[in-house]
């Protein structure tokens, strides 16, 4: 039985710098790897080596310039995320793929509880049920109860990152993409993140993380990919 969830084959991403004489840069060049169901791949390398660009090509925030990204989807079967239409990509994001960036982006005046519950709302989970789960995640992430109805834009950087992580994990996606998930976090909270990753894997989630923090994430990764 083939347990591969994601196959990245010779993926390249080129950017055209229109404000600098139209010159181009190619931070991702012919990158290939496979990730099995429930595995955790850690991608690391120097700044500018294309780590985040790879995640964004998988999530289709960026459209790869070349190569293929095969995802074994429950919705569509084996689908190439490079050529998939926009509606298919949006459905996959809603049902099967999660992404946590380095920075929390939310609408003003939306409570931390509603932010963390957002993926469940999109899936049609009843508000009361979603918020019960959201309160548990906020508690587990060490967000104090008096902050749950406050807007995360007023939180510290570490608190915002915890909200961001909770929003990514809460819907238990089949594929979870994490960009520097332990940045801005203290040692105790990093340990919480590692436990969250391991618990997600145990429940069927495949994880791809990008990080400079090999000390925290290296031990919980099944394998690693270094980019030059």
Foldseek 3Di string as FASTA:
>chain_A
DAQWFKWWFQWWAKDQDVVPVRDIDILDGGDTDIFGWLAEEEEEEDPSNCPVVVVCCQLVVDQTPDTWMWGQDPVPGTDTSNPDDPVVSVVCCLAAEFEFALFDDDDAQAFLLCLLLVSVVSVVNDPVVSSVLSVVLCVLLPNDPVRRNHDCVPPDSQSRLSSSVSSRPSNLHQEYEYEASCPPHDPVSLVSVLVSSNVSSVVTHYYYYYHPCCVSCVVSGPYYHYGD
